[in-house]
Amino acid sequence: MEIDARPGGWFYIVERRDSENVDHIGEYLELVRPHRLVFTLFAGKYSLQFERVTVVLQPLGSGCELDLTHKTRPELTSRVRCCWIEMLDRLAAMLGETGSSTAPRDARAAS
């Protein structure tokens, strides 16, 4: 994993998935801590184009609400949704959250 977390910075992450490596490459377009993150994402195994991901965080009680939009091809929408839900569930578990819901309000990845 390599991360240069600043606007114009890039990241490179290798994910181990089903006994194979999946490379994820992207560029940070906006980084407004702690409210907004926009980046491009390229995972050549699934899509041969850079896709845009926007994450917006809004305070909510003692936590926050996370709004994530991933612009992808329609045929990838279901897989992208499942992957993000799984990642957010794992993040909640790592942070010790119990009973948190990562169920999407609008369960569609943007096309």
C-alpha atoms as a PDB file:
ATOM      1  CA  MET A   1       0.000   0.000   0.000  1.00  0.00           C
ATOM      2  CA  GLU A   2       1.229   3.475  -0.886  1.00  0.00           C
ATOM      3  CA  ILE A   3      -0.828   6.584  -0.072  1.00  0.00           C
ATOM      4  CA  ASP A   4      -0.119  10.265  -0.701  1.00  0.00           C
ATOM      5  CA  ALA A   5      -3.313  11.683   0.891  1.00  0.00           C
ATOM      6  CA  ARG A   6      -3.514  15.196  -0.553  1.00  0.00           C
ATOM      7  CA  PRO A   7      -5.306  16.724  -3.530  1.00  0.00           C
ATOM      8  CA  GLY A   8      -3.327  15.600  -6.565  1.00  0.00           C
ATOM      9  CA  GLY A   9      -1.767  12.733  -4.580  1.00  0.00           C
ATOM     10  CA  TRP A  10      -2.090   9.127  -5.639  1.00  0.00           C
ATOM     11  CA  PHE A  11      -2.690   5.825  -3.905  1.00  0.00           C
ATOM     12  CA  TYR A  12      -1.847   2.234  -4.742  1.00  0.00           C
ATOM     13  CA  ILE A  13      -3.458  -0.586  -2.769  1.00  0.00           C
ATOM     14  CA  VAL A  14      -3.144  -4.319  -3.410  1.00  0.00           C
ATOM     15  CA  GLU A  15      -6.114  -6.259  -2.067  1.00  0.00           C
ATOM     16  CA  ARG A  16      -5.961 -10.015  -1.585  1.00  0.00           C
ATOM     17  CA  ARG A  17      -9.305 -11.355  -2.880  1.00  0.00           C
ATOM     18  CA  ASP A  18     -10.109 -15.043  -3.396  1.00  0.00           C
ATOM     19  CA  SER A  19      -6.420 -16.043  -3.390  1.00  0.00           C
ATOM     20  CA  GLU A  20      -5.424 -13.438  -5.992  1.00  0.00           C
ATOM     21  CA  ASN A  21      -4.155  -9.870  -5.871  1.00  0.00           C
ATOM     22  CA  VAL A  22      -6.349  -7.014  -7.083  1.00  0.00           C
ATOM     23  CA  ASP A  23      -4.592  -3.688  -7.713  1.00  0.00           C
ATOM     24  CA  HIS A  24      -6.449  -0.452  -6.904  1.00  0.00           C
ATOM     25  CA  ILE A  25      -4.953   2.818  -8.156  1.00  0.00           C
ATOM     26  CA  GLY A  26      -6.376   6.301  -7.857  1.00  0.00           C
ATOM     27  CA  GLU A  27      -5.871  10.012  -7.457  1.00  0.00           C
ATOM     28  CA  TYR A  28      -7.233  12.198  -4.662  1.00  0.00           C
ATOM     29  CA  LEU A  29      -9.195  15.041  -6.254  1.00  0.00           C
ATOM     30  CA  GLU A  30     -10.602  16.684  -3.101  1.00  0.00           C
ATOM     31  CA  LEU A  31      -9.718  16.181   0.546  1.00  0.00           C
ATOM     32  CA  VAL A  32     -11.678  18.421   2.915  1.00  0.00           C
ATOM     33  CA  ARG A  33     -11.123  16.974   6.381  1.00  0.00           C
ATOM     34  CA  PRO A  34     -13.318  15.739   8.002  1.00  0.00           C
ATOM     35  CA  HIS A  35     -16.215  16.328   5.628  1.00  0.00           C
ATOM     36  CA  ARG A  36     -15.496  15.318   2.031  1.00  0.00           C
ATOM     37  CA  LEU A  37     -13.254  13.028   0.008  1.00  0.00           C
ATOM     38  CA  VAL A  38     -13.322  12.683  -3.782  1.00  0.00           C
ATOM     39  CA  PHE A  39     -11.003  10.349  -5.662  1.00  0.00           C
ATOM     40  CA  THR A  40     -10.642   8.402  -8.871  1.00  0.00           C
ATOM     41  CA  LEU A  41     -10.388   4.629  -8.686  1.00  0.00           C
ATOM     42  CA  PHE A  42      -9.002   2.139 -11.187  1.00  0.00           C
ATOM     43  CA  ALA A  43      -9.181  -1.619 -10.620  1.00  0.00           C
ATOM     44  CA  GLY A  44      -8.179  -3.147 -13.950  1.00  0.00           C
ATOM     45  CA  LYS A  45      -9.585  -6.551 -13.025  1.00  0.00           C
ATOM     46  CA  TYR A  46     -13.105  -5.072 -13.022  1.00  0.00           C
ATOM     47  CA  SER A  47     -13.093  -1.945 -15.153  1.00  0.00           C
ATOM     48  CA  LEU A  48     -10.668  -0.482 -17.660  1.00  0.00           C
ATOM     49  CA  GLN A  49     -11.558   3.101 -16.783  1.00  0.00           C
ATOM     50  CA  PHE A  50     -10.983   5.420 -13.864  1.00  0.00           C
ATOM     51  CA  GLU A  51     -14.197   5.766 -11.867  1.00  0.00           C
ATOM     52  CA  ARG A  52     -15.121   8.604  -9.501  1.00  0.00           C
ATOM     53  CA  VAL A  53     -15.886   8.042  -5.815  1.00  0.00           C
ATOM     54  CA  THR A  54     -17.272  10.755  -3.535  1.00  0.00           C
ATOM     55  CA  VAL A  55     -17.561  10.338   0.242  1.00  0.00           C
ATOM     56  CA  VAL A  56     -19.390  12.951   2.326  1.00  0.00           C
ATOM     57  CA  LEU A  57     -19.520  12.774   6.124  1.00  0.00           C
ATOM     58  CA  GLN A  58     -22.168  14.634   8.140  1.00  0.00           C
ATOM     59  CA  PRO A  59     -22.204  14.771  11.970  1.00  0.00           C
ATOM     60  CA  LEU A  60     -25.089  12.777  13.423  1.00  0.00           C
ATOM     61  CA  GLY A  61     -25.457  12.488  17.189  1.00  0.00           C
ATOM     62  CA  SER A  62     -22.264  10.972  18.597  1.00  0.00           C
ATOM     63  CA  GLY A  63     -21.300   9.623  15.178  1.00  0.00           C
ATOM     64  CA  CYS A  64     -21.793  10.555  11.567  1.00  0.00           C
ATOM     65  CA  GLU A  65     -23.659   9.686   8.408  1.00  0.00           C
ATOM     66  CA  LEU A  66     -21.589   8.577   5.443  1.00  0.00           C
ATOM     67  CA  ASP A  67     -22.860   9.243   1.935  1.00  0.00           C
ATOM     68  CA  LEU A  68     -20.861   7.382  -0.723  1.00  0.00           C
ATOM     69  CA  THR A  69     -21.344   7.727  -4.472  1.00  0.00           C
ATOM     70  CA  HIS A  70     -19.364   5.519  -6.843  1.00  0.00           C
ATOM     71  CA  LYS A  71     -19.864   6.279 -10.532  1.00  0.00           C
ATOM     72  CA  THR A  72     -19.445   3.019 -12.397  1.00  0.00           C
ATOM     73  CA  ARG A  73     -20.856   1.086 -15.341  1.00  0.00           C
ATOM     74  CA  PRO A  74     -24.417  -0.223 -14.810  1.00  0.00           C
ATOM     75  CA  GLU A  75     -23.341  -3.866 -15.082  1.00  0.00           C
ATOM     76  CA  LEU A  76     -20.948  -3.380 -12.143  1.00  0.00           C
ATOM     77  CA  THR A  77     -23.421  -1.602  -9.851  1.00  0.00           C
ATOM     78  CA  SER A  78     -24.440  -4.637  -7.796  1.00  0.00           C
ATOM     79  CA  ARG A  79     -20.863  -5.840  -7.238  1.00  0.00           C
ATOM     80  CA  VAL A  80     -19.631  -2.333  -6.360  1.00  0.00           C
ATOM     81  CA  ARG A  81     -22.481  -1.881  -3.856  1.00  0.00           C
ATOM     82  CA  CYS A  82     -21.724  -5.207  -2.152  1.00  0.00           C
ATOM     83  CA  CYS A  83     -17.993  -4.452  -1.951  1.00  0.00           C
ATOM     84  CA  TRP A  84     -18.525  -1.018  -0.372  1.00  0.00           C
ATOM     85  CA  ILE A  85     -21.045  -2.391   2.148  1.00  0.00           C
ATOM     86  CA  GLU A  86     -18.602  -5.142   3.110  1.00  0.00           C
ATOM     87  CA  MET A  87     -15.732  -2.649   3.515  1.00  0.00           C
ATOM     88  CA  LEU A  88     -17.842  -0.269   5.613  1.00  0.00           C
ATOM     89  CA  ASP A  89     -19.073  -3.136   7.807  1.00  0.00           C
ATOM     90  CA  ARG A  90     -15.465  -4.183   8.411  1.00  0.00           C
ATOM     91  CA  LEU A  91     -14.518  -0.587   9.232  1.00  0.00           C
ATOM     92  CA  ALA A  92     -17.402  -0.363  11.741  1.00  0.00           C
ATOM     93  CA  ALA A  93     -16.237  -3.615  13.359  1.00  0.00           C
ATOM     94  CA  MET A  94     -12.640  -2.352  13.580  1.00  0.00           C
ATOM     95  CA  LEU A  95     -13.885   0.826  15.251  1.00  0.00           C
ATOM     96  CA  GLY A  96     -15.873  -1.232  17.735  1.00  0.00           C
ATOM     97  CA  GLU A  97     -19.261  -0.083  16.500  1.00  0.00           C
ATOM     98  CA  THR A  98     -22.148  -2.321  17.462  1.00  0.00           C
ATOM     99  CA  GLY A  99     -25.518  -2.274  15.845  1.00  0.00           C
ATOM    100  CA  SER A 100     -24.358   0.195  13.220  1.00  0.00           C
ATOM    101  CA  SER A 101     -26.086   0.021   9.909  1.00  0.00           C
ATOM    102  CA  THR A 102     -24.230   0.443   6.671  1.00  0.00           C
ATOM    103  CA  ALA A 103     -27.354  -0.364   4.696  1.00  0.00           C
ATOM    104  CA  PRO A 104     -27.569   2.172   1.907  1.00  0.00           C
ATOM    105  CA  ARG A 105     -30.430   4.650   1.898  1.00  0.00           C
ATOM    106  CA  ASP A 106     -30.407   4.585  -1.871  1.00  0.00           C
ATOM    107  CA  ALA A 107     -28.735   1.300  -2.755  1.00  0.00           C
ATOM    108  CA  ARG A 108     -27.613   2.247  -6.261  1.00  0.00           C
ATOM    109  CA  ALA A 109     -24.117   2.973  -7.427  1.00  0.00           C
ATOM    110  CA  ALA A 110     -24.298   5.846  -9.885  1.00  0.00           C
ATOM    111  CA  SER A 111     -23.858   4.986 -13.513  1.00  0.00           C
END
